[in-house]
């Protein structure tokens, strides 16, 4: 099994977070990703061979402060399709590896540059992390309870709006280079990506379907039928029957079909409905609710912990998680039926 990206070569300048995530996605599907790390550091970060983000790589250690190491990297660039890096703007230029130098050695090269704020703009040189980038994009304002915004771990900035954006940009750049013969620079900024992930929210806001505050909208926990509820054993379940027919099925299973507090569209009744659902779901354990609702179209699911998720029957049958050398990790995705991802190789030192 070679994978959909067999024949593509990517050079990855070692870093943390979103750029390695993009490298993982490309490598998972068959691209040869050469990860270049500085001497004296694990080529794969603090977790060494147990770093999921850095699986499927070919490691290489180079001290890019030395001219001979820079020349060796440039020799690799001559036959590569892309180079990705996640430094602040100007860092690779100071190493003598700026886009002008790289493109001079390989005019078809795609240079993917991953930053938080972008290559230009008033904040381009400022430090930051996921929470800062999604704050400036408007996305963070929509997450959390009414009282305050709450960051959704670092999924929206680092990985969804960062690493995936970079992987998409690199592949689009490679397709363009194969058509035009010209490479280019991809400016992938997490603040841009987090904003892009909010496209549907901005659609609803612009069409009067979203209030610009938390906890009062259908998708942010305001609606009683799109929220999480604690069960008798201190665990949680998630409800999401947005469509009327699925909502009707949920009400039928809960014995609430004729209850006026649960009439669809009755926003005034949302607080009462949520309070009653809290009491209803506290009356049974999570497993009891699963037995009643999980195998239906009521858009119900148990809220599984990180340890529980790989054990769920659906995830097990699909192979959503895999175990390599005792380390449980998400399997490569998406799935290509014609060119499946090759077997995962753990990180190598």
C-alpha atoms as a PDB file:
ATOM      1  CA  UNK A   1       0.000   0.000   0.000  1.00  0.00           C
ATOM      2  CA  UNK A   2       1.554   3.247  -1.165  1.00  0.00           C
ATOM      3  CA  UNK A   3      -1.134   5.801  -0.270  1.00  0.00           C
ATOM      4  CA  UNK A   4      -2.764   8.596  -2.253  1.00  0.00           C
ATOM      5  CA  UNK A   5       0.268  10.898  -1.906  1.00  0.00           C
ATOM      6  CA  UNK A   6       2.874   8.368  -2.984  1.00  0.00           C
ATOM      7  CA  UNK A   7       5.587  10.125  -5.007  1.00  0.00           C
ATOM      8  CA  UNK A   8       5.316  13.459  -3.180  1.00  0.00           C
ATOM      9  CA  UNK A   9       8.310  14.586  -1.137  1.00  0.00           C
ATOM     10  CA  UNK A  10       7.990  17.179   1.616  1.00  0.00           C
ATOM     11  CA  UNK A  11      10.729  18.675   3.769  1.00  0.00           C
ATOM     12  CA  UNK A  12       9.509  19.630   7.238  1.00  0.00           C
ATOM     13  CA  UNK A  13      11.568  21.953   9.406  1.00  0.00           C
ATOM     14  CA  UNK A  14      10.981  20.583  12.904  1.00  0.00           C
ATOM     15  CA  UNK A  15       8.646  22.501  15.173  1.00  0.00           C
ATOM     16  CA  UNK A  16       5.678  21.954  17.449  1.00  0.00           C
ATOM     17  CA  UNK A  17       1.920  21.882  16.995  1.00  0.00           C
ATOM     18  CA  UNK A  18       0.236  22.709  13.709  1.00  0.00           C
ATOM     19  CA  UNK A  19       3.107  22.294  11.221  1.00  0.00           C
ATOM     20  CA  UNK A  20       3.872  18.770  12.501  1.00  0.00           C
ATOM     21  CA  UNK A  21       0.141  18.018  12.307  1.00  0.00           C
ATOM     22  CA  UNK A  22       0.185  18.983   8.618  1.00  0.00           C
ATOM     23  CA  UNK A  23       3.286  16.856   8.127  1.00  0.00           C
ATOM     24  CA  UNK A  24       1.527  13.934   9.817  1.00  0.00           C
ATOM     25  CA  UNK A  25      -1.478  14.223   7.520  1.00  0.00           C
ATOM     26  CA  UNK A  26       0.715  14.265   4.421  1.00  0.00           C
ATOM     27  CA  UNK A  27       2.916  11.427   5.646  1.00  0.00           C
ATOM     28  CA  UNK A  28      -0.067   9.322   6.725  1.00  0.00           C
ATOM     29  CA  UNK A  29      -1.240   9.173   3.120  1.00  0.00           C
ATOM     30  CA  UNK A  30       2.041   8.178   1.552  1.00  0.00           C
ATOM     31  CA  UNK A  31       4.057  11.351   1.085  1.00  0.00           C
ATOM     32  CA  UNK A  32       7.709  11.071   1.984  1.00  0.00           C
ATOM     33  CA  UNK A  33       8.168  13.655   4.718  1.00  0.00           C
ATOM     34  CA  UNK A  34      11.763  14.362   5.734  1.00  0.00           C
ATOM     35  CA  UNK A  35      11.718  16.014   9.133  1.00  0.00           C
ATOM     36  CA  UNK A  36      14.783  18.180   9.725  1.00  0.00           C
ATOM     37  CA  UNK A  37      15.629  18.790  13.379  1.00  0.00           C
ATOM     38  CA  UNK A  38      18.451  20.694  15.013  1.00  0.00           C
ATOM     39  CA  UNK A  39      21.256  18.817  16.808  1.00  0.00           C
ATOM     40  CA  UNK A  40      20.889  18.116  20.497  1.00  0.00           C
ATOM     41  CA  UNK A  41      17.116  17.882  20.386  1.00  0.00           C
ATOM     42  CA  UNK A  42      14.895  14.935  19.750  1.00  0.00           C
ATOM     43  CA  UNK A  43      13.963  15.177  16.075  1.00  0.00           C
ATOM     44  CA  UNK A  44      10.397  14.600  17.177  1.00  0.00           C
ATOM     45  CA  UNK A  45       9.970  16.872  20.162  1.00  0.00           C
ATOM     46  CA  UNK A  46       9.683  16.063  23.827  1.00  0.00           C
ATOM     47  CA  UNK A  47       7.874  12.735  23.396  1.00  0.00           C
ATOM     48  CA  UNK A  48      10.432  11.112  21.115  1.00  0.00           C
ATOM     49  CA  UNK A  49       9.223   7.857  19.650  1.00  0.00           C
ATOM     50  CA  UNK A  50       5.833   8.261  21.379  1.00  0.00           C
ATOM     51  CA  UNK A  51       4.862  11.458  19.555  1.00  0.00           C
ATOM     52  CA  UNK A  52       1.765  10.752  17.463  1.00  0.00           C
ATOM     53  CA  UNK A  53       2.092  14.007  15.516  1.00  0.00           C
ATOM     54  CA  UNK A  54       5.461  12.916  14.171  1.00  0.00           C
ATOM     55  CA  UNK A  55       4.714   9.406  12.948  1.00  0.00           C
ATOM     56  CA  UNK A  56       5.614   8.208   9.451  1.00  0.00           C
ATOM     57  CA  UNK A  57       8.600  10.564   9.100  1.00  0.00           C
ATOM     58  CA  UNK A  58      12.139  10.172   7.804  1.00  0.00           C
ATOM     59  CA  UNK A  59      14.274  11.940  10.434  1.00  0.00           C
ATOM     60  CA  UNK A  60      17.298  14.062   9.588  1.00  0.00           C
ATOM     61  CA  UNK A  61      19.415  16.141  11.972  1.00  0.00           C
ATOM     62  CA  UNK A  62      21.048  19.297  10.588  1.00  0.00           C
ATOM     63  CA  UNK A  63      22.556  22.331  12.268  1.00  0.00           C
ATOM     64  CA  UNK A  64      21.215  24.977   9.927  1.00  0.00           C
ATOM     65  CA  UNK A  65      23.499  27.578  11.466  1.00  0.00           C
ATOM     66  CA  UNK A  66      26.340  25.845   9.597  1.00  0.00           C
ATOM     67  CA  UNK A  67      26.809  26.606   5.861  1.00  0.00           C
ATOM     68  CA  UNK A  68      27.378  22.964   4.938  1.00  0.00           C
ATOM     69  CA  UNK A  69      24.086  21.969   6.587  1.00  0.00           C
ATOM     70  CA  UNK A  70      22.235  24.709   4.719  1.00  0.00           C
ATOM     71  CA  UNK A  71      23.752  23.466   1.470  1.00  0.00           C
ATOM     72  CA  UNK A  72      22.692  19.915   2.233  1.00  0.00           C
ATOM     73  CA  UNK A  73      19.140  21.079   2.835  1.00  0.00           C
ATOM     74  CA  UNK A  74      19.161  23.051  -0.415  1.00  0.00           C
ATOM     75  CA  UNK A  75      20.280  19.911  -2.228  1.00  0.00           C
ATOM     76  CA  UNK A  76      17.212  18.132  -0.852  1.00  0.00           C
ATOM     77  CA  UNK A  77      15.035  21.060  -1.883  1.00  0.00           C
ATOM     78  CA  UNK A  78      16.056  20.594  -5.523  1.00  0.00           C
ATOM     79  CA  UNK A  79      14.010  17.382  -5.805  1.00  0.00           C
ATOM     80  CA  UNK A  80      11.278  18.090  -3.242  1.00  0.00           C
ATOM     81  CA  UNK A  81       7.701  19.101  -3.959  1.00  0.00           C
ATOM     82  CA  UNK A  82       7.255  21.211  -0.832  1.00  0.00           C
ATOM     83  CA  UNK A  83       8.887  22.561   2.307  1.00  0.00           C
ATOM     84  CA  UNK A  84       6.876  23.389   5.426  1.00  0.00           C
ATOM     85  CA  UNK A  85       7.957  25.382   8.456  1.00  0.00           C
ATOM     86  CA  UNK A  86       6.339  26.935  11.524  1.00  0.00           C
ATOM     87  CA  UNK A  87       8.699  29.704  12.615  1.00  0.00           C
ATOM     88  CA  UNK A  88       8.006  33.373  13.151  1.00  0.00           C
ATOM     89  CA  UNK A  89       8.288  35.468   9.989  1.00  0.00           C
ATOM     90  CA  UNK A  90      11.917  36.129   9.102  1.00  0.00           C
ATOM     91  CA  UNK A  91      13.490  33.173  10.923  1.00  0.00           C
ATOM     92  CA  UNK A  92      14.259  31.031   7.876  1.00  0.00           C
ATOM     93  CA  UNK A  93      15.402  34.127   5.999  1.00  0.00           C
ATOM     94  CA  UNK A  94      18.046  34.675   8.672  1.00  0.00           C
ATOM     95  CA  UNK A  95      19.195  31.089   8.167  1.00  0.00           C
ATOM     96  CA  UNK A  96      19.723  31.787   4.472  1.00  0.00           C
ATOM     97  CA  UNK A  97      16.681  29.732   3.530  1.00  0.00           C
ATOM     98  CA  UNK A  98      14.175  32.400   2.568  1.00  0.00           C
ATOM     99  CA  UNK A  99      11.660  31.818  -0.226  1.00  0.00           C
ATOM    100  CA  UNK A 100      13.838  33.603  -2.789  1.00  0.00           C
ATOM    101  CA  UNK A 101      16.738  31.237  -2.063  1.00  0.00           C
ATOM    102  CA  UNK A 102      14.552  28.132  -2.026  1.00  0.00           C
ATOM    103  CA  UNK A 103      12.719  28.997  -5.238  1.00  0.00           C
ATOM    104  CA  UNK A 104      16.005  29.800  -6.947  1.00  0.00           C
ATOM    105  CA  UNK A 105      17.084  26.205  -6.285  1.00  0.00           C
ATOM    106  CA  UNK A 106      13.699  24.732  -7.242  1.00  0.00           C
ATOM    107  CA  UNK A 107      11.236  27.013  -9.077  1.00  0.00           C
ATOM    108  CA  UNK A 108       8.461  24.408  -8.651  1.00  0.00           C
ATOM    109  CA  UNK A 109       8.794  24.255  -4.862  1.00  0.00           C
ATOM    110  CA  UNK A 110       5.767  24.963  -2.661  1.00  0.00           C
ATOM    111  CA  UNK A 111       6.764  26.681   0.594  1.00  0.00           C
ATOM    112  CA  UNK A 112       4.156  26.277   3.334  1.00  0.00           C
ATOM    113  CA  UNK A 113       4.634  28.785   6.151  1.00  0.00           C
ATOM    114  CA  UNK A 114       2.614  28.175   9.329  1.00  0.00           C
ATOM    115  CA  UNK A 115       2.239  31.019  11.816  1.00  0.00           C
ATOM    116  CA  UNK A 116      -0.335  32.294  14.253  1.00  0.00           C
ATOM    117  CA  UNK A 117      -0.753  35.829  12.953  1.00  0.00           C
ATOM    118  CA  UNK A 118       0.481  35.482   9.368  1.00  0.00           C
ATOM    119  CA  UNK A 119       3.552  36.666   7.496  1.00  0.00           C
ATOM    120  CA  UNK A 120       2.467  40.297   7.661  1.00  0.00           C
ATOM    121  CA  UNK A 121       0.226  42.582   9.679  1.00  0.00           C
ATOM    122  CA  UNK A 122       0.613  44.538  12.945  1.00  0.00           C
ATOM    123  CA  UNK A 123       0.827  41.367  15.060  1.00  0.00           C
ATOM    124  CA  UNK A 124       2.989  39.275  12.719  1.00  0.00           C
ATOM    125  CA  UNK A 125       6.044  39.396  15.010  1.00  0.00           C
ATOM    126  CA  UNK A 126       4.155  38.976  18.280  1.00  0.00           C
ATOM    127  CA  UNK A 127       4.155  35.792  20.337  1.00  0.00           C
ATOM    128  CA  UNK A 128       0.888  33.942  20.794  1.00  0.00           C
ATOM    129  CA  UNK A 129      -0.855  30.603  21.119  1.00  0.00           C
ATOM    130  CA  UNK A 130      -4.055  28.969  19.912  1.00  0.00           C
ATOM    131  CA  UNK A 131      -6.252  30.798  22.435  1.00  0.00           C
ATOM    132  CA  UNK A 132      -4.963  34.179  21.237  1.00  0.00           C
ATOM    133  CA  UNK A 133      -5.439  33.448  17.537  1.00  0.00           C
ATOM    134  CA  UNK A 134      -9.000  32.176  17.913  1.00  0.00           C
ATOM    135  CA  UNK A 135      -9.776  35.150  20.159  1.00  0.00           C
ATOM    136  CA  UNK A 136      -8.850  37.620  17.425  1.00  0.00           C
ATOM    137  CA  UNK A 137     -10.763  35.634  14.789  1.00  0.00           C
ATOM    138  CA  UNK A 138     -14.077  35.922  16.646  1.00  0.00           C
ATOM    139  CA  UNK A 139     -14.316  32.153  17.078  1.00  0.00           C
ATOM    140  CA  UNK A 140     -13.488  32.085  20.799  1.00  0.00           C
ATOM    141  CA  UNK A 141     -16.376  34.454  21.522  1.00  0.00           C
ATOM    142  CA  UNK A 142     -18.790  31.677  20.515  1.00  0.00           C
ATOM    143  CA  UNK A 143     -17.381  28.944  22.787  1.00  0.00           C
ATOM    144  CA  UNK A 144     -18.256  28.401  26.413  1.00  0.00           C
ATOM    145  CA  UNK A 145     -21.012  29.297  28.860  1.00  0.00           C
ATOM    146  CA  UNK A 146     -22.852  32.604  28.999  1.00  0.00           C
ATOM    147  CA  UNK A 147     -20.542  33.878  31.728  1.00  0.00           C
ATOM    148  CA  UNK A 148     -17.245  33.714  29.824  1.00  0.00           C
ATOM    149  CA  UNK A 149     -15.566  32.383  26.681  1.00  0.00           C
ATOM    150  CA  UNK A 150     -13.878  29.010  27.084  1.00  0.00           C
ATOM    151  CA  UNK A 151     -11.204  27.656  24.745  1.00  0.00           C
ATOM    152  CA  UNK A 152     -12.051  24.293  23.093  1.00  0.00           C
ATOM    153  CA  UNK A 153      -8.612  22.844  23.971  1.00  0.00           C
ATOM    154  CA  UNK A 154      -6.362  23.827  21.014  1.00  0.00           C
ATOM    155  CA  UNK A 155      -8.320  22.186  18.241  1.00  0.00           C
ATOM    156  CA  UNK A 156      -9.639  25.246  16.388  1.00  0.00           C
ATOM    157  CA  UNK A 157      -6.465  27.301  16.036  1.00  0.00           C
ATOM    158  CA  UNK A 158      -3.554  24.869  16.087  1.00  0.00           C
ATOM    159  CA  UNK A 159      -5.041  21.950  14.223  1.00  0.00           C
ATOM    160  CA  UNK A 160      -8.310  22.765  12.420  1.00  0.00           C
ATOM    161  CA  UNK A 161      -7.441  26.332  11.489  1.00  0.00           C
ATOM    162  CA  UNK A 162      -3.700  25.698  11.399  1.00  0.00           C
ATOM    163  CA  UNK A 163      -2.381  22.273  10.458  1.00  0.00           C
ATOM    164  CA  UNK A 164      -5.288  21.278   8.222  1.00  0.00           C
ATOM    165  CA  UNK A 165      -5.188  24.669   6.508  1.00  0.00           C
ATOM    166  CA  UNK A 166      -1.471  24.207   5.869  1.00  0.00           C
ATOM    167  CA  UNK A 167      -1.924  20.668   4.510  1.00  0.00           C
ATOM    168  CA  UNK A 168      -4.675  21.863   2.161  1.00  0.00           C
ATOM    169  CA  UNK A 169      -2.579  24.821   1.032  1.00  0.00           C
ATOM    170  CA  UNK A 170       0.471  22.680   0.344  1.00  0.00           C
ATOM    171  CA  UNK A 171      -1.482  20.162  -1.726  1.00  0.00           C
ATOM    172  CA  UNK A 172      -3.246  22.918  -3.658  1.00  0.00           C
ATOM    173  CA  UNK A 173       0.137  24.542  -4.286  1.00  0.00           C
ATOM    174  CA  UNK A 174       1.595  21.263  -5.555  1.00  0.00           C
ATOM    175  CA  UNK A 175      -1.328  20.816  -7.967  1.00  0.00           C
ATOM    176  CA  UNK A 176      -0.830  24.368  -9.206  1.00  0.00           C
ATOM    177  CA  UNK A 177       2.928  23.840  -9.642  1.00  0.00           C
ATOM    178  CA  UNK A 178       2.320  20.708 -11.696  1.00  0.00           C
ATOM    179  CA  UNK A 179       0.045  22.693 -13.988  1.00  0.00           C
ATOM    180  CA  UNK A 180       2.004  25.944 -14.226  1.00  0.00           C
ATOM    181  CA  UNK A 181       5.553  24.827 -13.496  1.00  0.00           C
ATOM    182  CA  UNK A 182       5.793  27.515 -10.809  1.00  0.00           C
ATOM    183  CA  UNK A 183       5.974  27.069  -7.069  1.00  0.00           C
ATOM    184  CA  UNK A 184       4.871  29.647  -4.526  1.00  0.00           C
ATOM    185  CA  UNK A 185       4.653  30.581  -0.864  1.00  0.00           C
ATOM    186  CA  UNK A 186       1.611  29.511   1.177  1.00  0.00           C
ATOM    187  CA  UNK A 187       0.914  31.942   4.042  1.00  0.00           C
ATOM    188  CA  UNK A 188      -1.113  29.778   6.447  1.00  0.00           C
ATOM    189  CA  UNK A 189      -2.113  31.758   9.541  1.00  0.00           C
ATOM    190  CA  UNK A 190      -4.097  30.289  12.406  1.00  0.00           C
ATOM    191  CA  UNK A 191      -6.082  33.497  12.846  1.00  0.00           C
ATOM    192  CA  UNK A 192      -7.189  33.199   9.202  1.00  0.00           C
ATOM    193  CA  UNK A 193      -7.990  29.519   9.562  1.00  0.00           C
ATOM    194  CA  UNK A 194     -10.028  29.993  12.732  1.00  0.00           C
ATOM    195  CA  UNK A 195     -12.000  32.735  10.985  1.00  0.00           C
ATOM    196  CA  UNK A 196     -12.561  30.442   8.003  1.00  0.00           C
ATOM    197  CA  UNK A 197     -13.905  27.698  10.251  1.00  0.00           C
ATOM    198  CA  UNK A 198     -16.489  30.221  11.431  1.00  0.00           C
ATOM    199  CA  UNK A 199     -17.954  30.669   7.923  1.00  0.00           C
ATOM    200  CA  UNK A 200     -21.320  29.103   8.772  1.00  0.00           C
ATOM    201  CA  UNK A 201     -21.570  31.093  12.003  1.00  0.00           C
ATOM    202  CA  UNK A 202     -20.997  34.315  10.068  1.00  0.00           C
ATOM    203  CA  UNK A 203     -23.665  33.195   7.588  1.00  0.00           C
ATOM    204  CA  UNK A 204     -26.182  32.779  10.400  1.00  0.00           C
ATOM    205  CA  UNK A 205     -25.117  36.060  12.028  1.00  0.00           C
ATOM    206  CA  UNK A 206     -25.536  37.957   8.756  1.00  0.00           C
ATOM    207  CA  UNK A 207     -28.974  36.463   8.171  1.00  0.00           C
ATOM    208  CA  UNK A 208     -30.387  37.189  11.594  1.00  0.00           C
ATOM    209  CA  UNK A 209     -30.155  33.583  12.793  1.00  0.00           C
ATOM    210  CA  UNK A 210     -27.372  34.095  15.354  1.00  0.00           C
ATOM    211  CA  UNK A 211     -27.184  36.462  18.295  1.00  0.00           C
ATOM    212  CA  UNK A 212     -23.666  37.782  18.860  1.00  0.00           C
ATOM    213  CA  UNK A 213     -23.504  36.405  22.399  1.00  0.00           C
ATOM    214  CA  UNK A 214     -22.952  32.983  23.892  1.00  0.00           C
ATOM    215  CA  UNK A 215     -25.425  30.451  25.185  1.00  0.00           C
ATOM    216  CA  UNK A 216     -28.536  31.769  23.456  1.00  0.00           C
ATOM    217  CA  UNK A 217     -28.190  30.195  19.998  1.00  0.00           C
ATOM    218  CA  UNK A 218     -29.162  26.786  18.700  1.00  0.00           C
ATOM    219  CA  UNK A 219     -25.603  25.492  18.281  1.00  0.00           C
ATOM    220  CA  UNK A 220     -23.874  27.016  21.303  1.00  0.00           C
ATOM    221  CA  UNK A 221     -25.800  25.319  24.082  1.00  0.00           C
ATOM    222  CA  UNK A 222     -28.741  27.701  24.104  1.00  0.00           C
ATOM    223  CA  UNK A 223     -31.251  25.213  22.728  1.00  0.00           C
ATOM    224  CA  UNK A 224     -32.389  22.378  25.004  1.00  0.00           C
ATOM    225  CA  UNK A 225     -32.088  19.938  22.098  1.00  0.00           C
ATOM    226  CA  UNK A 226     -28.427  20.775  21.360  1.00  0.00           C
ATOM    227  CA  UNK A 227     -26.561  20.435  24.618  1.00  0.00           C
ATOM    228  CA  UNK A 228     -24.991  17.999  27.059  1.00  0.00           C
ATOM    229  CA  UNK A 229     -26.659  16.596  30.171  1.00  0.00           C
ATOM    230  CA  UNK A 230     -25.283  14.909  33.269  1.00  0.00           C
ATOM    231  CA  UNK A 231     -26.478  11.416  34.092  1.00  0.00           C
ATOM    232  CA  UNK A 232     -27.032   9.619  37.386  1.00  0.00           C
ATOM    233  CA  UNK A 233     -23.472   8.274  37.476  1.00  0.00           C
ATOM    234  CA  UNK A 234     -21.815  11.666  36.943  1.00  0.00           C
ATOM    235  CA  UNK A 235     -21.188  11.095  33.231  1.00  0.00           C
ATOM    236  CA  UNK A 236     -22.681  13.022  30.318  1.00  0.00           C
ATOM    237  CA  UNK A 237     -24.706  12.526  27.151  1.00  0.00           C
ATOM    238  CA  UNK A 238     -24.995  14.762  24.094  1.00  0.00           C
ATOM    239  CA  UNK A 239     -28.209  15.669  22.266  1.00  0.00           C
ATOM    240  CA  UNK A 240     -28.402  17.144  18.766  1.00  0.00           C
ATOM    241  CA  UNK A 241     -31.768  16.454  17.059  1.00  0.00           C
ATOM    242  CA  UNK A 242     -31.920  19.626  14.967  1.00  0.00           C
ATOM    243  CA  UNK A 243     -34.365  18.218  12.414  1.00  0.00           C
ATOM    244  CA  UNK A 244     -38.053  18.068  13.479  1.00  0.00           C
ATOM    245  CA  UNK A 245     -38.441  14.351  12.799  1.00  0.00           C
ATOM    246  CA  UNK A 246     -35.430  13.466  14.946  1.00  0.00           C
ATOM    247  CA  UNK A 247     -36.562  15.812  17.709  1.00  0.00           C
ATOM    248  CA  UNK A 248     -39.996  14.192  17.644  1.00  0.00           C
ATOM    249  CA  UNK A 249     -38.394  10.777  18.049  1.00  0.00           C
ATOM    250  CA  UNK A 250     -36.389  11.977  21.057  1.00  0.00           C
ATOM    251  CA  UNK A 251     -39.507  13.401  22.701  1.00  0.00           C
ATOM    252  CA  UNK A 252     -41.359  10.162  22.048  1.00  0.00           C
ATOM    253  CA  UNK A 253     -38.617   8.125  23.720  1.00  0.00           C
ATOM    254  CA  UNK A 254     -38.601  10.515  26.684  1.00  0.00           C
ATOM    255  CA  UNK A 255     -42.408  10.559  26.991  1.00  0.00           C
ATOM    256  CA  UNK A 256     -42.565  14.280  26.224  1.00  0.00           C
ATOM    257  CA  UNK A 257     -44.354  14.344  22.864  1.00  0.00           C
ATOM    258  CA  UNK A 258     -47.353  16.361  24.098  1.00  0.00           C
ATOM    259  CA  UNK A 259     -45.531  18.538  26.595  1.00  0.00           C
ATOM    260  CA  UNK A 260     -45.921  22.300  25.812  1.00  0.00           C
ATOM    261  CA  UNK A 261     -42.423  23.092  27.137  1.00  0.00           C
ATOM    262  CA  UNK A 262     -40.947  21.107  24.260  1.00  0.00           C
ATOM    263  CA  UNK A 263     -42.795  22.628  21.321  1.00  0.00           C
ATOM    264  CA  UNK A 264     -40.241  23.219  18.535  1.00  0.00           C
ATOM    265  CA  UNK A 265     -39.338  26.875  18.016  1.00  0.00           C
ATOM    266  CA  UNK A 266     -40.545  27.994  21.436  1.00  0.00           C
ATOM    267  CA  UNK A 267     -37.438  29.900  22.545  1.00  0.00           C
ATOM    268  CA  UNK A 268     -39.262  31.344  25.531  1.00  0.00           C
ATOM    269  CA  UNK A 269     -39.578  27.826  26.922  1.00  0.00           C
ATOM    270  CA  UNK A 270     -35.912  26.900  26.397  1.00  0.00           C
ATOM    271  CA  UNK A 271     -34.849  27.590  30.016  1.00  0.00           C
ATOM    272  CA  UNK A 272     -37.734  25.525  31.413  1.00  0.00           C
ATOM    273  CA  UNK A 273     -37.114  22.717  28.927  1.00  0.00           C
ATOM    274  CA  UNK A 274     -33.414  22.588  29.762  1.00  0.00           C
ATOM    275  CA  UNK A 275     -34.079  22.510  33.483  1.00  0.00           C
ATOM    276  CA  UNK A 276     -36.485  19.634  33.035  1.00  0.00           C
ATOM    277  CA  UNK A 277     -34.082  17.718  30.783  1.00  0.00           C
ATOM    278  CA  UNK A 278     -31.384  18.084  33.416  1.00  0.00           C
ATOM    279  CA  UNK A 279     -33.640  16.389  35.922  1.00  0.00           C
ATOM    280  CA  UNK A 280     -34.751  13.723  33.459  1.00  0.00           C
ATOM    281  CA  UNK A 281     -31.225  12.705  32.483  1.00  0.00           C
ATOM    282  CA  UNK A 282     -30.040  12.645  36.100  1.00  0.00           C
ATOM    283  CA  UNK A 283     -32.571   9.882  36.722  1.00  0.00           C
ATOM    284  CA  UNK A 284     -30.666   7.195  34.790  1.00  0.00           C
ATOM    285  CA  UNK A 285     -27.044   6.235  34.236  1.00  0.00           C
ATOM    286  CA  UNK A 286     -25.297   6.945  30.965  1.00  0.00           C
ATOM    287  CA  UNK A 287     -25.430   3.275  29.992  1.00  0.00           C
ATOM    288  CA  UNK A 288     -29.165   3.177  30.660  1.00  0.00           C
ATOM    289  CA  UNK A 289     -29.684   6.174  28.387  1.00  0.00           C
ATOM    290  CA  UNK A 290     -27.516   4.548  25.728  1.00  0.00           C
ATOM    291  CA  UNK A 291     -29.706   1.456  25.843  1.00  0.00           C
ATOM    292  CA  UNK A 292     -32.780   3.608  25.285  1.00  0.00           C
ATOM    293  CA  UNK A 293     -31.512   6.139  22.736  1.00  0.00           C
ATOM    294  CA  UNK A 294     -28.205   5.255  21.093  1.00  0.00           C
ATOM    295  CA  UNK A 295     -29.536   2.891  18.435  1.00  0.00           C
ATOM    296  CA  UNK A 296     -32.140   5.390  17.197  1.00  0.00           C
ATOM    297  CA  UNK A 297     -32.268   8.504  14.983  1.00  0.00           C
ATOM    298  CA  UNK A 298     -32.703  10.745  18.028  1.00  0.00           C
ATOM    299  CA  UNK A 299     -29.221  12.234  17.464  1.00  0.00           C
ATOM    300  CA  UNK A 300     -27.974  11.034  20.814  1.00  0.00           C
ATOM    301  CA  UNK A 301     -24.456  10.004  21.842  1.00  0.00           C
ATOM    302  CA  UNK A 302     -22.635   9.330  25.088  1.00  0.00           C
ATOM    303  CA  UNK A 303     -19.890  11.823  25.900  1.00  0.00           C
ATOM    304  CA  UNK A 304     -16.902   9.504  25.987  1.00  0.00           C
ATOM    305  CA  UNK A 305     -13.605  10.228  27.661  1.00  0.00           C
ATOM    306  CA  UNK A 306     -10.339   9.986  25.737  1.00  0.00           C
ATOM    307  CA  UNK A 307      -9.802   6.556  27.279  1.00  0.00           C
ATOM    308  CA  UNK A 308     -13.341   5.386  26.493  1.00  0.00           C
ATOM    309  CA  UNK A 309     -13.578   6.524  22.865  1.00  0.00           C
ATOM    310  CA  UNK A 310     -11.253   3.848  21.378  1.00  0.00           C
ATOM    311  CA  UNK A 311     -13.345   1.151  23.097  1.00  0.00           C
ATOM    312  CA  UNK A 312     -16.717   2.121  21.627  1.00  0.00           C
ATOM    313  CA  UNK A 313     -18.152  -0.491  19.258  1.00  0.00           C
ATOM    314  CA  UNK A 314     -18.497   1.943  16.342  1.00  0.00           C
ATOM    315  CA  UNK A 315     -14.937   3.214  16.637  1.00  0.00           C
ATOM    316  CA  UNK A 316     -13.603  -0.311  17.047  1.00  0.00           C
ATOM    317  CA  UNK A 317     -15.389  -1.641  13.968  1.00  0.00           C
ATOM    318  CA  UNK A 318     -14.219   1.277  11.818  1.00  0.00           C
ATOM    319  CA  UNK A 319     -10.697   1.266  13.228  1.00  0.00           C
ATOM    320  CA  UNK A 320     -10.963   4.940  14.139  1.00  0.00           C
ATOM    321  CA  UNK A 321      -8.138   4.392  16.618  1.00  0.00           C
ATOM    322  CA  UNK A 322      -5.060   2.219  16.305  1.00  0.00           C
ATOM    323  CA  UNK A 323      -2.403   1.051  18.744  1.00  0.00           C
ATOM    324  CA  UNK A 324       1.281   1.216  17.829  1.00  0.00           C
ATOM    325  CA  UNK A 325       3.873  -0.018  20.327  1.00  0.00           C
ATOM    326  CA  UNK A 326       1.362   0.364  23.136  1.00  0.00           C
ATOM    327  CA  UNK A 327       0.405   3.939  22.185  1.00  0.00           C
ATOM    328  CA  UNK A 328      -3.272   4.415  21.292  1.00  0.00           C
ATOM    329  CA  UNK A 329      -3.721   7.089  18.637  1.00  0.00           C
ATOM    330  CA  UNK A 330      -6.187   8.251  15.960  1.00  0.00           C
ATOM    331  CA  UNK A 331      -5.887   6.368  12.681  1.00  0.00           C
ATOM    332  CA  UNK A 332      -5.084   8.241   9.452  1.00  0.00           C
ATOM    333  CA  UNK A 333      -8.058  10.045   7.930  1.00  0.00           C
ATOM    334  CA  UNK A 334      -9.832  10.546   5.601  1.00  0.00           C
ATOM    335  CA  UNK A 335     -10.112   7.069   4.126  1.00  0.00           C
ATOM    336  CA  UNK A 336      -9.184   6.439   0.515  1.00  0.00           C
ATOM    337  CA  UNK A 337     -10.863   3.286  -0.773  1.00  0.00           C
ATOM    338  CA  UNK A 338      -8.675   3.056  -3.880  1.00  0.00           C
ATOM    339  CA  UNK A 339      -5.363   4.061  -2.301  1.00  0.00           C
ATOM    340  CA  UNK A 340      -5.563   3.246   1.409  1.00  0.00           C
ATOM    341  CA  UNK A 341      -3.076   4.818   3.789  1.00  0.00           C
ATOM    342  CA  UNK A 342       0.010   2.655   4.311  1.00  0.00           C
ATOM    343  CA  UNK A 343       0.624   1.072   7.711  1.00  0.00           C
ATOM    344  CA  UNK A 344       1.599   3.626  10.357  1.00  0.00           C
ATOM    345  CA  UNK A 345       5.264   3.818  11.296  1.00  0.00           C
ATOM    346  CA  UNK A 346       5.990   5.124  14.785  1.00  0.00           C
ATOM    347  CA  UNK A 347       8.299   8.076  15.208  1.00  0.00           C
ATOM    348  CA  UNK A 348      11.967   7.235  14.913  1.00  0.00           C
ATOM    349  CA  UNK A 349      14.809   8.959  16.727  1.00  0.00           C
END
